[in-house]
Amino acid sequence: MANMKITLKKSLAGRIEKHIATAHSLGLKKINDVTIQPDNAQTRGKVAKIGYLLQVDENV
């Protein structure tokens, strides 16, 4: 299965609590934190919700 490299590019300070919780569920807490997640519907839904905070590389 393919993986996605997800990087937090903007701060979580002052964001909606659900967006902060979504970032934490991906393993992202600080700016420039990087995580590798499986490319599935659940991960894509999380990325869609907080995509304005992230940089996503799909071919990892």
N, C-alpha and C. Protein backbone atom coordinates (compact mmCIF):
# COMPACT_ATOMS: atom_id res chain seq x y z
N MET A 1 0.84 -1.18 0.00
CA MET A 1 0.00 0.00 0.00
C MET A 1 0.88 1.25 0.00
N ALA A 2 0.43 2.26 -0.67
CA ALA A 2 1.17 3.52 -0.76
C ALA A 2 1.10 4.29 0.56
N ASN A 3 2.06 5.16 0.73
CA ASN A 3 2.11 6.00 1.93
C ASN A 3 2.11 7.47 1.53
N MET A 4 1.79 8.31 2.51
CA MET A 4 1.80 9.76 2.33
C MET A 4 2.73 10.35 3.37
N LYS A 5 3.55 11.32 2.95
CA LYS A 5 4.40 12.06 3.87
C LYS A 5 3.68 13.37 4.16
N ILE A 6 3.33 13.60 5.42
CA ILE A 6 2.55 14.77 5.81
C ILE A 6 3.39 15.64 6.73
N THR A 7 3.49 16.94 6.39
CA THR A 7 4.27 17.89 7.17
C THR A 7 3.36 19.02 7.64
N LEU A 8 3.45 19.35 8.93
CA LEU A 8 2.69 20.47 9.47
C LEU A 8 3.45 21.75 9.15
N LYS A 9 2.85 22.64 8.36
CA LYS A 9 3.52 23.85 7.90
C LYS A 9 3.05 25.12 8.60
N LYS A 10 1.91 25.08 9.27
CA LYS A 10 1.41 26.26 9.97
C LYS A 10 1.11 25.89 11.42
N SER A 11 1.14 26.88 12.28
CA SER A 11 0.95 26.68 13.70
C SER A 11 -0.48 26.25 14.03
N LEU A 12 -0.62 25.48 15.11
CA LEU A 12 -1.93 25.07 15.60
C LEU A 12 -2.52 26.08 16.58
N ALA A 13 -1.75 27.08 16.94
CA ALA A 13 -2.20 28.09 17.91
C ALA A 13 -3.41 28.85 17.36
N GLY A 14 -4.46 28.93 18.14
CA GLY A 14 -5.64 29.68 17.76
C GLY A 14 -6.56 28.98 16.78
N ARG A 15 -6.33 27.71 16.51
CA ARG A 15 -7.16 26.96 15.56
C ARG A 15 -8.36 26.36 16.29
N ILE A 16 -9.31 25.88 15.52
CA ILE A 16 -10.48 25.20 16.06
C ILE A 16 -10.01 23.93 16.77
N GLU A 17 -10.63 23.61 17.91
CA GLU A 17 -10.20 22.46 18.71
C GLU A 17 -10.24 21.16 17.93
N LYS A 18 -11.23 20.98 17.08
CA LYS A 18 -11.32 19.75 16.29
C LYS A 18 -10.17 19.65 15.29
N HIS A 19 -9.72 20.77 14.77
CA HIS A 19 -8.60 20.76 13.83
C HIS A 19 -7.31 20.40 14.57
N ILE A 20 -7.15 20.92 15.78
CA ILE A 20 -5.98 20.58 16.59
C ILE A 20 -5.99 19.09 16.90
N ALA A 21 -7.15 18.55 17.27
CA ALA A 21 -7.27 17.13 17.57
C ALA A 21 -6.96 16.27 16.34
N THR A 22 -7.38 16.72 15.18
CA THR A 22 -7.10 16.00 13.94
C THR A 22 -5.60 15.97 13.66
N ALA A 23 -4.93 17.10 13.85
CA ALA A 23 -3.48 17.15 13.66
C ALA A 23 -2.78 16.21 14.65
N HIS A 24 -3.21 16.20 15.90
CA HIS A 24 -2.61 15.32 16.90
C HIS A 24 -2.85 13.85 16.55
N SER A 25 -4.02 13.54 15.97
CA SER A 25 -4.30 12.16 15.59
C SER A 25 -3.39 11.69 14.46
N LEU A 26 -2.88 12.65 13.69
CA LEU A 26 -1.90 12.32 12.64
C LEU A 26 -0.48 12.29 13.19
N GLY A 27 -0.30 12.68 14.44
CA GLY A 27 1.03 12.68 15.04
C GLY A 27 1.77 13.99 14.84
N LEU A 28 1.05 15.07 14.57
CA LEU A 28 1.66 16.37 14.30
C LEU A 28 1.36 17.32 15.45
N LYS A 29 2.40 17.85 16.07
CA LYS A 29 2.22 18.76 17.20
C LYS A 29 2.91 20.10 17.01
N LYS A 30 4.06 20.12 16.34
CA LYS A 30 4.82 21.34 16.16
C LYS A 30 5.01 21.61 14.67
N ILE A 31 5.30 22.86 14.34
CA ILE A 31 5.59 23.21 12.95
C ILE A 31 6.78 22.39 12.48
N ASN A 32 6.70 21.90 11.25
CA ASN A 32 7.70 21.08 10.58
C ASN A 32 7.78 19.66 11.11
N ASP A 33 6.83 19.21 11.94
CA ASP A 33 6.72 17.80 12.29
C ASP A 33 6.32 17.04 11.03
N VAL A 34 6.91 15.85 10.86
CA VAL A 34 6.64 15.03 9.68
C VAL A 34 6.17 13.66 10.14
N THR A 35 5.19 13.12 9.43
CA THR A 35 4.71 11.77 9.70
C THR A 35 4.45 11.06 8.39
N ILE A 36 4.61 9.75 8.41
CA ILE A 36 4.29 8.91 7.26
C ILE A 36 3.02 8.15 7.60
N GLN A 37 1.98 8.31 6.79
CA GLN A 37 0.69 7.68 7.04
C GLN A 37 0.29 6.87 5.81
N PRO A 38 -0.50 5.80 6.00
CA PRO A 38 -0.99 5.04 4.85
C PRO A 38 -1.95 5.88 4.02
N ASP A 39 -1.92 5.67 2.73
CA ASP A 39 -2.79 6.42 1.81
C ASP A 39 -4.13 5.68 1.74
N ASN A 40 -5.04 6.02 2.64
CA ASN A 40 -6.36 5.40 2.64
C ASN A 40 -7.43 6.48 2.86
N ALA A 41 -8.67 6.06 2.87
CA ALA A 41 -9.77 7.02 2.98
C ALA A 41 -9.75 7.77 4.30
N GLN A 42 -9.40 7.10 5.38
CA GLN A 42 -9.37 7.75 6.68
C GLN A 42 -8.33 8.87 6.73
N THR A 43 -7.14 8.59 6.24
CA THR A 43 -6.07 9.60 6.23
C THR A 43 -6.43 10.75 5.29
N ARG A 44 -6.98 10.43 4.14
CA ARG A 44 -7.36 11.48 3.19
C ARG A 44 -8.45 12.39 3.76
N GLY A 45 -9.36 11.85 4.55
CA GLY A 45 -10.39 12.66 5.19
C GLY A 45 -9.78 13.63 6.19
N LYS A 46 -8.81 13.17 6.97
CA LYS A 46 -8.13 14.03 7.93
C LYS A 46 -7.37 15.14 7.21
N VAL A 47 -6.69 14.77 6.13
CA VAL A 47 -5.94 15.76 5.36
C VAL A 47 -6.88 16.78 4.73
N ALA A 48 -8.03 16.35 4.27
CA ALA A 48 -9.00 17.27 3.67
C ALA A 48 -9.51 18.27 4.70
N LYS A 49 -9.65 17.81 5.94
CA LYS A 49 -10.19 18.67 7.00
C LYS A 49 -9.21 19.78 7.38
N ILE A 50 -7.90 19.47 7.45
CA ILE A 50 -6.91 20.46 7.89
C ILE A 50 -5.84 20.69 6.83
N GLY A 51 -6.21 20.52 5.58
CA GLY A 51 -5.26 20.66 4.49
C GLY A 51 -4.60 22.02 4.41
N TYR A 52 -5.26 23.06 4.91
CA TYR A 52 -4.71 24.41 4.87
C TYR A 52 -3.52 24.57 5.82
N LEU A 53 -3.28 23.59 6.69
CA LEU A 53 -2.14 23.62 7.63
C LEU A 53 -1.00 22.72 7.17
N LEU A 54 -1.21 21.93 6.15
CA LEU A 54 -0.31 20.82 5.82
C LEU A 54 0.34 20.97 4.45
N GLN A 55 1.43 20.21 4.31
CA GLN A 55 2.03 19.95 3.01
C GLN A 55 2.04 18.43 2.87
N VAL A 56 1.54 17.91 1.76
CA VAL A 56 1.39 16.47 1.58
C VAL A 56 2.18 16.03 0.35
N ASP A 57 3.03 15.02 0.54
CA ASP A 57 3.73 14.36 -0.57
C ASP A 57 3.16 12.95 -0.67
N GLU A 58 2.50 12.65 -1.77
CA GLU A 58 1.79 11.38 -1.90
C GLU A 58 2.67 10.23 -2.35
N ASN A 59 3.76 10.49 -3.01
CA ASN A 59 4.60 9.41 -3.56
C ASN A 59 5.80 9.14 -2.66
N VAL A 60 5.53 8.46 -1.55
CA VAL A 60 6.62 8.15 -0.61
C VAL A 60 6.76 6.66 -0.52
